[in-house]
Amino acid sequence: MNRVGTMLNGVQGMIGDTALVTRAIQGEHHPGRVRARGEEWFAIPLDPGLTIEIGTNVIVADVERGLLVVYAADT
């Protein structure tokens, strides 16, 4: 018997994906927007006090209340 691991679908399956910031993310209370998988998503920073500027490549760390939680790819 061949066992295949569970694959996450939907938004949860985006964890680990790279995205591009299209509207600045200014802390956890001021979500920005990112482009991932050809779509726009609201996003907040993994570090709640951090600002991530437009044009920054980010990595999706988690999904919280429908928002992508991201951090800059170069950190």
PDB file of N, CA and C in Angstrom:
ATOM      1  N   MET A   1       0.840  -1.168   0.000  1.00  0.00           N
ATOM      2  CA  MET A   1       0.000   0.000   0.000  1.00  0.00           C
ATOM      3  C   MET A   1       0.894   1.244   0.000  1.00  0.00           C
ATOM      4  N   ASN A   2       0.568   2.223  -0.833  1.00  0.00           N
ATOM      5  CA  ASN A   2       1.332   3.459  -0.938  1.00  0.00           C
ATOM      6  C   ASN A   2       0.628   4.550  -0.138  1.00  0.00           C
ATOM      7  N   ARG A   3       1.368   5.144   0.806  1.00  0.00           N
ATOM      8  CA  ARG A   3       0.764   6.214   1.619  1.00  0.00           C
ATOM      9  C   ARG A   3       1.245   7.556   1.108  1.00  0.00           C
ATOM     10  N   VAL A   4       0.309   8.452   0.949  1.00  0.00           N
ATOM     11  CA  VAL A   4       0.619   9.805   0.504  1.00  0.00           C
ATOM     12  C   VAL A   4       0.284  10.751   1.643  1.00  0.00           C
ATOM     13  N   GLY A   5       1.216  11.701   1.970  1.00  0.00           N
ATOM     14  CA  GLY A   5       0.989  12.657   3.044  1.00  0.00           C
ATOM     15  C   GLY A   5      -0.155  13.588   2.718  1.00  0.00           C
ATOM     16  N   THR A   6      -0.727  14.143   3.742  1.00  0.00           N
ATOM     17  CA  THR A   6      -1.832  15.080   3.569  1.00  0.00           C
ATOM     18  C   THR A   6      -1.312  16.375   2.973  1.00  0.00           C
ATOM     19  N   MET A   7      -1.996  16.850   1.956  1.00  0.00           N
ATOM     20  CA  MET A   7      -1.627  18.104   1.326  1.00  0.00           C
ATOM     21  C   MET A   7      -2.658  19.158   1.711  1.00  0.00           C
ATOM     22  N   LEU A   8      -2.158  20.321   2.177  1.00  0.00           N
ATOM     23  CA  LEU A   8      -3.065  21.389   2.555  1.00  0.00           C
ATOM     24  C   LEU A   8      -3.574  22.102   1.323  1.00  0.00           C
ATOM     25  N   ASN A   9      -4.855  22.360   1.287  1.00  0.00           N
ATOM     26  CA  ASN A   9      -5.475  23.055   0.164  1.00  0.00           C
ATOM     27  C   ASN A   9      -5.900  24.456   0.590  1.00  0.00           C
ATOM     28  N   GLY A  10      -6.341  25.248  -0.362  1.00  0.00           N
ATOM     29  CA  GLY A  10      -6.861  26.573  -0.075  1.00  0.00           C
ATOM     30  C   GLY A  10      -5.812  27.477   0.532  1.00  0.00           C
ATOM     31  N   VAL A  11      -6.272  28.380   1.372  1.00  0.00           N
ATOM     32  CA  VAL A  11      -5.389  29.369   1.970  1.00  0.00           C
ATOM     33  C   VAL A  11      -4.322  28.696   2.837  1.00  0.00           C
ATOM     34  N   GLN A  12      -4.670  27.682   3.601  1.00  0.00           N
ATOM     35  CA  GLN A  12      -3.687  26.990   4.444  1.00  0.00           C
ATOM     36  C   GLN A  12      -2.548  26.417   3.613  1.00  0.00           C
ATOM     37  N   GLY A  13      -2.846  26.028   2.377  1.00  0.00           N
ATOM     38  CA  GLY A  13      -1.824  25.479   1.495  1.00  0.00           C
ATOM     39  C   GLY A  13      -0.828  26.515   1.010  1.00  0.00           C
ATOM     40  N   MET A  14      -1.080  27.796   1.294  1.00  0.00           N
ATOM     41  CA  MET A  14      -0.181  28.871   0.863  1.00  0.00           C
ATOM     42  C   MET A  14       1.006  29.060   1.797  1.00  0.00           C
ATOM     43  N   ILE A  15       0.978  28.453   2.959  1.00  0.00           N
ATOM     44  CA  ILE A  15       2.087  28.600   3.908  1.00  0.00           C
ATOM     45  C   ILE A  15       3.381  28.142   3.238  1.00  0.00           C
ATOM     46  N   GLY A  16       4.387  29.014   3.280  1.00  0.00           N
ATOM     47  CA  GLY A  16       5.668  28.750   2.641  1.00  0.00           C
ATOM     48  C   GLY A  16       5.789  29.377   1.262  1.00  0.00           C
ATOM     49  N   ASP A  17       4.664  29.832   0.691  1.00  0.00           N
ATOM     50  CA  ASP A  17       4.686  30.488  -0.622  1.00  0.00           C
ATOM     51  C   ASP A  17       5.329  31.866  -0.524  1.00  0.00           C
ATOM     52  N   THR A  18       5.848  32.338  -1.647  1.00  0.00           N
ATOM     53  CA  THR A  18       6.389  33.688  -1.753  1.00  0.00           C
ATOM     54  C   THR A  18       5.319  34.581  -2.365  1.00  0.00           C
ATOM     55  N   ALA A  19       5.263  35.834  -1.902  1.00  0.00           N
ATOM     56  CA  ALA A  19       4.300  36.813  -2.401  1.00  0.00           C
ATOM     57  C   ALA A  19       5.009  38.159  -2.541  1.00  0.00           C
ATOM     58  N   LEU A  20       4.359  39.089  -3.237  1.00  0.00           N
ATOM     59  CA  LEU A  20       4.906  40.427  -3.451  1.00  0.00           C
ATOM     60  C   LEU A  20       3.961  41.450  -2.814  1.00  0.00           C
ATOM     61  N   VAL A  21       4.521  42.341  -1.998  1.00  0.00           N
ATOM     62  CA  VAL A  21       3.708  43.366  -1.339  1.00  0.00           C
ATOM     63  C   VAL A  21       3.272  44.409  -2.374  1.00  0.00           C
ATOM     64  N   THR A  22       1.955  44.626  -2.485  1.00  0.00           N
ATOM     65  CA  THR A  22       1.410  45.600  -3.435  1.00  0.00           C
ATOM     66  C   THR A  22       0.832  46.825  -2.726  1.00  0.00           C
ATOM     67  N   ARG A  23       0.584  46.729  -1.438  1.00  0.00           N
ATOM     68  CA  ARG A  23       0.203  47.869  -0.602  1.00  0.00           C
ATOM     69  C   ARG A  23       0.892  47.666   0.739  1.00  0.00           C
ATOM     70  N   ALA A  24       1.607  48.695   1.199  1.00  0.00           N
ATOM     71  CA  ALA A  24       2.430  48.574   2.404  1.00  0.00           C
ATOM     72  C   ALA A  24       1.664  47.944   3.570  1.00  0.00           C
ATOM     73  N   ILE A  25       2.366  47.084   4.294  1.00  0.00           N
ATOM     74  CA  ILE A  25       1.831  46.430   5.488  1.00  0.00           C
ATOM     75  C   ILE A  25       2.393  47.222   6.671  1.00  0.00           C
ATOM     76  N   GLN A  26       1.509  47.851   7.445  1.00  0.00           N
ATOM     77  CA  GLN A  26       1.960  48.762   8.497  1.00  0.00           C
ATOM     78  C   GLN A  26       1.545  48.276   9.875  1.00  0.00           C
ATOM     79  N   GLY A  27       2.030  47.112  10.253  1.00  0.00           N
ATOM     80  CA  GLY A  27       1.725  46.545  11.560  1.00  0.00           C
ATOM     81  C   GLY A  27       0.477  45.682  11.528  1.00  0.00           C
ATOM     82  N   GLU A  28       0.234  45.013  12.654  1.00  0.00           N
ATOM     83  CA  GLU A  28      -0.870  44.055  12.696  1.00  0.00           C
ATOM     84  C   GLU A  28      -2.250  44.700  12.616  1.00  0.00           C
ATOM     85  N   HIS A  29      -2.361  45.999  12.940  1.00  0.00           N
ATOM     86  CA  HIS A  29      -3.667  46.655  12.892  1.00  0.00           C
ATOM     87  C   HIS A  29      -3.904  47.424  11.596  1.00  0.00           C
ATOM     88  N   HIS A  30      -2.921  47.395  10.698  1.00  0.00           N
ATOM     89  CA  HIS A  30      -3.038  48.079   9.402  1.00  0.00           C
ATOM     90  C   HIS A  30      -2.582  47.133   8.295  1.00  0.00           C
ATOM     91  N   PRO A  31      -3.423  46.148   7.963  1.00  0.00           N
ATOM     92  CA  PRO A  31      -3.038  45.175   6.938  1.00  0.00           C
ATOM     93  C   PRO A  31      -2.725  45.851   5.608  1.00  0.00           C
ATOM     94  N   GLY A  32      -1.814  45.244   4.896  1.00  0.00           N
ATOM     95  CA  GLY A  32      -1.517  45.671   3.541  1.00  0.00           C
ATOM     96  C   GLY A  32      -2.045  44.623   2.591  1.00  0.00           C
ATOM     97  N   ARG A  33      -1.521  44.636   1.369  1.00  0.00           N
ATOM     98  CA  ARG A  33      -1.951  43.643   0.383  1.00  0.00           C
ATOM     99  C   ARG A  33      -0.723  43.029  -0.268  1.00  0.00           C
ATOM    100  N   VAL A  34      -0.866  41.739  -0.603  1.00  0.00           N
ATOM    101  CA  VAL A  34       0.194  41.027  -1.314  1.00  0.00           C
ATOM    102  C   VAL A  34      -0.412  40.308  -2.508  1.00  0.00           C
ATOM    103  N   ARG A  35       0.431  40.024  -3.495  1.00  0.00           N
ATOM    104  CA  ARG A  35       0.008  39.255  -4.671  1.00  0.00           C
ATOM    105  C   ARG A  35       0.661  37.887  -4.554  1.00  0.00           C
ATOM    106  N   ALA A  36      -0.198  36.870  -4.461  1.00  0.00           N
ATOM    107  CA  ALA A  36       0.262  35.484  -4.347  1.00  0.00           C
ATOM    108  C   ALA A  36      -0.663  34.605  -5.175  1.00  0.00           C
ATOM    109  N   ARG A  37      -0.072  33.669  -5.895  1.00  0.00           N
ATOM    110  CA  ARG A  37      -0.857  32.741  -6.725  1.00  0.00           C
ATOM    111  C   ARG A  37      -1.781  33.486  -7.688  1.00  0.00           C
ATOM    112  N   GLY A  38      -1.331  34.662  -8.166  1.00  0.00           N
ATOM    113  CA  GLY A  38      -2.102  35.421  -9.138  1.00  0.00           C
ATOM    114  C   GLY A  38      -3.282  36.182  -8.569  1.00  0.00           C
ATOM    115  N   GLU A  39      -3.398  36.243  -7.244  1.00  0.00           N
ATOM    116  CA  GLU A  39      -4.516  36.929  -6.597  1.00  0.00           C
ATOM    117  C   GLU A  39      -3.992  37.892  -5.545  1.00  0.00           C
ATOM    118  N   GLU A  40      -4.830  38.884  -5.201  1.00  0.00           N
ATOM    119  CA  GLU A  40      -4.503  39.834  -4.135  1.00  0.00           C
ATOM    120  C   GLU A  40      -5.075  39.323  -2.811  1.00  0.00           C
ATOM    121  N   TRP A  41      -4.267  39.448  -1.742  1.00  0.00           N
ATOM    122  CA  TRP A  41      -4.669  38.995  -0.415  1.00  0.00           C
ATOM    123  C   TRP A  41      -4.320  40.071   0.609  1.00  0.00           C
ATOM    124  N   PHE A  42      -5.133  40.193   1.643  1.00  0.00           N
ATOM    125  CA  PHE A  42      -4.769  41.048   2.767  1.00  0.00           C
ATOM    126  C   PHE A  42      -3.697  40.334   3.569  1.00  0.00           C
ATOM    127  N   ALA A  43      -2.748  41.111   4.114  1.00  0.00           N
ATOM    128  CA  ALA A  43      -1.649  40.503   4.857  1.00  0.00           C
ATOM    129  C   ALA A  43      -1.229  41.376   6.031  1.00  0.00           C
ATOM    130  N   ILE A  44      -0.772  40.719   7.088  1.00  0.00           N
ATOM    131  CA  ILE A  44      -0.196  41.392   8.251  1.00  0.00           C
ATOM    132  C   ILE A  44       1.199  40.818   8.476  1.00  0.00           C
ATOM    133  N   PRO A  45       2.063  41.564   9.181  1.00  0.00           N
ATOM    134  CA  PRO A  45       3.431  41.084   9.398  1.00  0.00           C
ATOM    135  C   PRO A  45       3.503  40.064  10.535  1.00  0.00           C
ATOM    136  N   LEU A  46       4.442  39.140  10.427  1.00  0.00           N
ATOM    137  CA  LEU A  46       4.686  38.167  11.489  1.00  0.00           C
ATOM    138  C   LEU A  46       5.111  38.898  12.762  1.00  0.00           C
ATOM    139  N   ASP A  47       5.967  39.916  12.621  1.00  0.00           N
ATOM    140  CA  ASP A  47       6.373  40.784  13.733  1.00  0.00           C
ATOM    141  C   ASP A  47       5.333  41.904  13.793  1.00  0.00           C
ATOM    142  N   PRO A  48       4.463  41.941  14.819  1.00  0.00           N
ATOM    143  CA  PRO A  48       3.318  42.848  14.857  1.00  0.00           C
ATOM    144  C   PRO A  48       3.639  44.335  14.678  1.00  0.00           C
ATOM    145  N   GLY A  49       4.834  44.776  15.034  1.00  0.00           N
ATOM    146  CA  GLY A  49       5.168  46.187  14.937  1.00  0.00           C
ATOM    147  C   GLY A  49       5.904  46.562  13.672  1.00  0.00           C
ATOM    148  N   LEU A  50       6.099  45.615  12.784  1.00  0.00           N
ATOM    149  CA  LEU A  50       6.922  45.829  11.593  1.00  0.00           C
ATOM    150  C   LEU A  50       6.116  46.422  10.441  1.00  0.00           C
ATOM    151  N   THR A  51       6.779  47.288   9.652  1.00  0.00           N
ATOM    152  CA  THR A  51       6.221  47.796   8.404  1.00  0.00           C
ATOM    153  C   THR A  51       6.974  47.128   7.258  1.00  0.00           C
ATOM    154  N   ILE A  52       6.246  46.648   6.261  1.00  0.00           N
ATOM    155  CA  ILE A  52       6.853  46.028   5.080  1.00  0.00           C
ATOM    156  C   ILE A  52       6.405  46.839   3.877  1.00  0.00           C
ATOM    157  N   GLU A  53       7.367  47.379   3.148  1.00  0.00           N
ATOM    158  CA  GLU A  53       7.100  48.310   2.056  1.00  0.00           C
ATOM    159  C   GLU A  53       6.664  47.615   0.764  1.00  0.00           C
ATOM    160  N   ILE A  54       6.016  48.396  -0.107  1.00  0.00           N
ATOM    161  CA  ILE A  54       5.614  47.935  -1.437  1.00  0.00           C
ATOM    162  C   ILE A  54       6.842  47.438  -2.193  1.00  0.00           C
ATOM    163  N   GLY A  55       6.676  46.356  -2.916  1.00  0.00           N
ATOM    164  CA  GLY A  55       7.751  45.798  -3.725  1.00  0.00           C
ATOM    165  C   GLY A  55       8.613  44.776  -3.010  1.00  0.00           C
ATOM    166  N   THR A  56       8.372  44.559  -1.725  1.00  0.00           N
ATOM    167  CA  THR A  56       9.138  43.580  -0.941  1.00  0.00           C
ATOM    168  C   THR A  56       8.596  42.176  -1.199  1.00  0.00           C
ATOM    169  N   ASN A  57       9.498  41.237  -1.417  1.00  0.00           N
ATOM    170  CA  ASN A  57       9.103  39.833  -1.494  1.00  0.00           C
ATOM    171  C   ASN A  57       8.948  39.309  -0.080  1.00  0.00           C
ATOM    172  N   VAL A  58       7.848  38.629   0.175  1.00  0.00           N
ATOM    173  CA  VAL A  58       7.576  38.085   1.503  1.00  0.00           C
ATOM    174  C   VAL A  58       7.254  36.604   1.404  1.00  0.00           C
ATOM    175  N   ILE A  59       7.330  35.946   2.550  1.00  0.00           N
ATOM    176  CA  ILE A  59       7.000  34.526   2.645  1.00  0.00           C
ATOM    177  C   ILE A  59       5.807  34.384   3.587  1.00  0.00           C
ATOM    178  N   VAL A  60       4.857  33.563   3.202  1.00  0.00           N
ATOM    179  CA  VAL A  60       3.664  33.331   4.018  1.00  0.00           C
ATOM    180  C   VAL A  60       4.024  32.374   5.144  1.00  0.00           C
ATOM    181  N   ALA A  61       3.885  32.865   6.393  1.00  0.00           N
ATOM    182  CA  ALA A  61       4.229  32.059   7.570  1.00  0.00           C
ATOM    183  C   ALA A  61       3.004  31.382   8.173  1.00  0.00           C
ATOM    184  N   ASP A  62       1.845  32.010   8.007  1.00  0.00           N
ATOM    185  CA  ASP A  62       0.637  31.485   8.654  1.00  0.00           C
ATOM    186  C   ASP A  62      -0.584  32.169   8.035  1.00  0.00           C
ATOM    187  N   VAL A  63      -1.742  31.707   8.435  1.00  0.00           N
ATOM    188  CA  VAL A  63      -3.000  32.327   8.032  1.00  0.00           C
ATOM    189  C   VAL A  63      -3.787  32.559   9.318  1.00  0.00           C
ATOM    190  N   GLU A  64      -4.228  33.804   9.522  1.00  0.00           N
ATOM    191  CA  GLU A  64      -4.922  34.159  10.751  1.00  0.00           C
ATOM    192  C   GLU A  64      -6.162  34.970  10.410  1.00  0.00           C
ATOM    193  N   ARG A  65      -7.341  34.446  10.764  1.00  0.00           N
ATOM    194  CA  ARG A  65      -8.613  35.137  10.486  1.00  0.00           C
ATOM    195  C   ARG A  65      -8.724  35.571   9.020  1.00  0.00           C
ATOM    196  N   GLY A  66      -8.267  34.747   8.114  1.00  0.00           N
ATOM    197  CA  GLY A  66      -8.366  35.053   6.686  1.00  0.00           C
ATOM    198  C   GLY A  66      -7.285  35.978   6.160  1.00  0.00           C
ATOM    199  N   LEU A  67      -6.365  36.415   7.017  1.00  0.00           N
ATOM    200  CA  LEU A  67      -5.245  37.262   6.607  1.00  0.00           C
ATOM    201  C   LEU A  67      -3.990  36.412   6.491  1.00  0.00           C
ATOM    202  N   LEU A  68      -3.163  36.700   5.483  1.00  0.00           N
ATOM    203  CA  LEU A  68      -1.871  36.025   5.399  1.00  0.00           C
ATOM    204  C   LEU A  68      -0.929  36.705   6.373  1.00  0.00           C
ATOM    205  N   VAL A  69      -0.188  35.921   7.130  1.00  0.00           N
ATOM    206  CA  VAL A  69       0.827  36.441   8.038  1.00  0.00           C
ATOM    207  C   VAL A  69       2.165  36.229   7.357  1.00  0.00           C
ATOM    208  N   VAL A  70       2.889  37.325   7.098  1.00  0.00           N
ATOM    209  CA  VAL A  70       4.075  37.253   6.249  1.00  0.00           C
ATOM    210  C   VAL A  70       5.301  37.881   6.899  1.00  0.00           C
ATOM    211  N   TYR A  71       6.469  37.534   6.358  1.00  0.00           N
ATOM    212  CA  TYR A  71       7.731  38.169   6.758  1.00  0.00           C
ATOM    213  C   TYR A  71       8.567  38.370   5.500  1.00  0.00           C
ATOM    214  N   ALA A  72       9.435  39.379   5.542  1.00  0.00           N
ATOM    215  CA  ALA A  72      10.269  39.693   4.381  1.00  0.00           C
ATOM    216  C   ALA A  72      11.176  38.506   4.060  1.00  0.00           C
ATOM    217  N   ALA A  73      11.290  38.191   2.785  1.00  0.00           N
ATOM    218  CA  ALA A  73      12.066  37.024   2.337  1.00  0.00           C
ATOM    219  C   ALA A  73      13.554  37.198   2.614  1.00  0.00           C
ATOM    220  N   ASP A  74      14.032  38.425   2.714  1.00  0.00           N
ATOM    221  CA  ASP A  74      15.473  38.654   2.894  1.00  0.00           C
ATOM    222  C   ASP A  74      15.882  38.756   4.365  1.00  0.00           C
ATOM    223  N   THR A  75      14.978  38.393   5.313  1.00  0.00           N
ATOM    224  CA  THR A  75      15.336  38.459   6.733  1.00  0.00           C
ATOM    225  C   THR A  75      15.542  37.094   7.306  1.00  0.00           C
TER     226      THR A  75
END
